[in-house]
């Protein structure tokens, strides 16, 4: 239940806000990429950028998690070696 409160409820609120935002912003805008341009509704473009930001944040968090896990393994090995040397 606590997991739902901290994860599910904020996601549900964000989803409802996104639906409301999409319903209110139906006008299309032109977005210029480096190799071309596309005309998309404001809500779709905002959703794409939010998803892109989420993916970049997830990748950064995963990279940091892997680095911390490797450091933890290294420190555990050092502690094990010191314990076996002192015994």
C-alpha atoms as a PDB file:
ATOM      1  CA  UNK A   1       0.000   0.000   0.000  1.00  0.00           C
ATOM      2  CA  UNK A   2       2.829   2.384   0.855  1.00  0.00           C
ATOM      3  CA  UNK A   3       4.443   1.641  -2.495  1.00  0.00           C
ATOM      4  CA  UNK A   4       1.237   2.681  -4.278  1.00  0.00           C
ATOM      5  CA  UNK A   5       1.126   5.935  -2.328  1.00  0.00           C
ATOM      6  CA  UNK A   6       4.698   6.904  -3.239  1.00  0.00           C
ATOM      7  CA  UNK A   7       4.794   5.559  -6.812  1.00  0.00           C
ATOM      8  CA  UNK A   8       1.320   4.898  -8.152  1.00  0.00           C
ATOM      9  CA  UNK A   9      -0.479   7.950  -6.869  1.00  0.00           C
ATOM     10  CA  UNK A  10       1.985  10.520  -8.283  1.00  0.00           C
ATOM     11  CA  UNK A  11       1.981   8.685 -11.616  1.00  0.00           C
ATOM     12  CA  UNK A  12      -1.811   8.708 -11.659  1.00  0.00           C
ATOM     13  CA  UNK A  13      -1.868  12.447 -10.911  1.00  0.00           C
ATOM     14  CA  UNK A  14       0.702  13.122 -13.663  1.00  0.00           C
ATOM     15  CA  UNK A  15      -1.323  11.051 -16.113  1.00  0.00           C
ATOM     16  CA  UNK A  16      -4.502  12.966 -15.316  1.00  0.00           C
ATOM     17  CA  UNK A  17      -2.666  16.280 -15.669  1.00  0.00           C
ATOM     18  CA  UNK A  18      -1.274  15.145 -19.027  1.00  0.00           C
ATOM     19  CA  UNK A  19      -4.752  14.189 -20.254  1.00  0.00           C
ATOM     20  CA  UNK A  20      -6.116  17.577 -19.159  1.00  0.00           C
ATOM     21  CA  UNK A  21      -3.187  19.369 -20.796  1.00  0.00           C
ATOM     22  CA  UNK A  22      -3.705  17.428 -24.018  1.00  0.00           C
ATOM     23  CA  UNK A  23      -7.416  18.169 -24.073  1.00  0.00           C
ATOM     24  CA  UNK A  24      -6.822  21.899 -23.680  1.00  0.00           C
ATOM     25  CA  UNK A  25      -3.922  22.257 -26.151  1.00  0.00           C
ATOM     26  CA  UNK A  26      -4.949  20.987 -29.558  1.00  0.00           C
ATOM     27  CA  UNK A  27      -3.141  23.516 -31.692  1.00  0.00           C
ATOM     28  CA  UNK A  28      -0.276  22.239 -33.837  1.00  0.00           C
ATOM     29  CA  UNK A  29       3.193  23.722 -33.955  1.00  0.00           C
ATOM     30  CA  UNK A  30       6.120  23.107 -36.292  1.00  0.00           C
ATOM     31  CA  UNK A  31       9.181  21.577 -34.678  1.00  0.00           C
ATOM     32  CA  UNK A  32      12.485  21.829 -36.577  1.00  0.00           C
ATOM     33  CA  UNK A  33      14.905  18.920 -36.208  1.00  0.00           C
ATOM     34  CA  UNK A  34      18.437  19.079 -37.564  1.00  0.00           C
ATOM     35  CA  UNK A  35      17.432  16.980 -40.570  1.00  0.00           C
ATOM     36  CA  UNK A  36      13.830  18.028 -41.066  1.00  0.00           C
ATOM     37  CA  UNK A  37      10.704  19.402 -39.508  1.00  0.00           C
ATOM     38  CA  UNK A  38       7.413  18.005 -38.313  1.00  0.00           C
ATOM     39  CA  UNK A  39       4.088  19.536 -37.291  1.00  0.00           C
ATOM     40  CA  UNK A  40       2.738  18.098 -34.032  1.00  0.00           C
ATOM     41  CA  UNK A  41       0.140  19.100 -31.467  1.00  0.00           C
ATOM     42  CA  UNK A  42       1.552  20.844 -28.406  1.00  0.00           C
ATOM     43  CA  UNK A  43       0.470  18.003 -26.104  1.00  0.00           C
ATOM     44  CA  UNK A  44       2.227  15.343 -28.201  1.00  0.00           C
ATOM     45  CA  UNK A  45       5.419  17.361 -28.368  1.00  0.00           C
ATOM     46  CA  UNK A  46       5.348  17.974 -24.608  1.00  0.00           C
ATOM     47  CA  UNK A  47       4.756  14.265 -24.022  1.00  0.00           C
ATOM     48  CA  UNK A  48       7.715  13.357 -26.221  1.00  0.00           C
ATOM     49  CA  UNK A  49      10.017  15.704 -24.350  1.00  0.00           C
ATOM     50  CA  UNK A  50       8.798  14.431 -20.985  1.00  0.00           C
ATOM     51  CA  UNK A  51       9.420  10.845 -22.110  1.00  0.00           C
ATOM     52  CA  UNK A  52      12.865  11.797 -23.416  1.00  0.00           C
ATOM     53  CA  UNK A  53      13.705  13.472 -20.103  1.00  0.00           C
ATOM     54  CA  UNK A  54      12.493  10.421 -18.196  1.00  0.00           C
ATOM     55  CA  UNK A  55      14.678   8.121 -20.298  1.00  0.00           C
ATOM     56  CA  UNK A  56      17.760  10.342 -19.899  1.00  0.00           C
ATOM     57  CA  UNK A  57      17.182  10.508 -16.131  1.00  0.00           C
ATOM     58  CA  UNK A  58      16.708   6.745 -15.950  1.00  0.00           C
ATOM     59  CA  UNK A  59      19.959   6.165 -17.829  1.00  0.00           C
ATOM     60  CA  UNK A  60      21.848   8.561 -15.566  1.00  0.00           C
ATOM     61  CA  UNK A  61      20.402   6.920 -12.473  1.00  0.00           C
ATOM     62  CA  UNK A  62      21.289   3.456 -13.775  1.00  0.00           C
ATOM     63  CA  UNK A  63      24.861   4.515 -14.526  1.00  0.00           C
ATOM     64  CA  UNK A  64      25.261   5.899 -10.997  1.00  0.00           C
ATOM     65  CA  UNK A  65      23.723   2.741  -9.518  1.00  0.00           C
ATOM     66  CA  UNK A  66      26.213   0.557 -11.412  1.00  0.00           C
ATOM     67  CA  UNK A  67      29.124   2.717 -10.247  1.00  0.00           C
ATOM     68  CA  UNK A  68      27.955   2.497  -6.614  1.00  0.00           C
ATOM     69  CA  UNK A  69      27.496  -1.270  -6.897  1.00  0.00           C
ATOM     70  CA  UNK A  70      31.041  -1.668  -8.231  1.00  0.00           C
ATOM     71  CA  UNK A  71      32.434   0.502  -5.445  1.00  0.00           C
ATOM     72  CA  UNK A  72      30.487  -1.539  -2.882  1.00  0.00           C
ATOM     73  CA  UNK A  73      31.965  -4.791  -4.246  1.00  0.00           C
ATOM     74  CA  UNK A  74      35.467  -3.331  -4.128  1.00  0.00           C
ATOM     75  CA  UNK A  75      35.045  -2.202  -0.521  1.00  0.00           C
ATOM     76  CA  UNK A  76      33.603  -5.575   0.507  1.00  0.00           C
ATOM     77  CA  UNK A  77      36.642  -7.313  -1.015  1.00  0.00           C
ATOM     78  CA  UNK A  78      38.957  -5.001   0.911  1.00  0.00           C
ATOM     79  CA  UNK A  79      37.150  -5.710   4.182  1.00  0.00           C
ATOM     80  CA  UNK A  80      37.253  -9.455   3.514  1.00  0.00           C
ATOM     81  CA  UNK A  81      40.982  -9.328   2.741  1.00  0.00           C
ATOM     82  CA  UNK A  82      41.725  -7.345   5.922  1.00  0.00           C
ATOM     83  CA  UNK A  83      39.622  -9.703   8.031  1.00  0.00           C
ATOM     84  CA  UNK A  84      41.418 -12.762   6.640  1.00  0.00           C
ATOM     85  CA  UNK A  85      44.844 -11.088   7.105  1.00  0.00           C
ATOM     86  CA  UNK A  86      44.059 -10.192  10.745  1.00  0.00           C
ATOM     87  CA  UNK A  87      42.737 -13.657  11.609  1.00  0.00           C
END
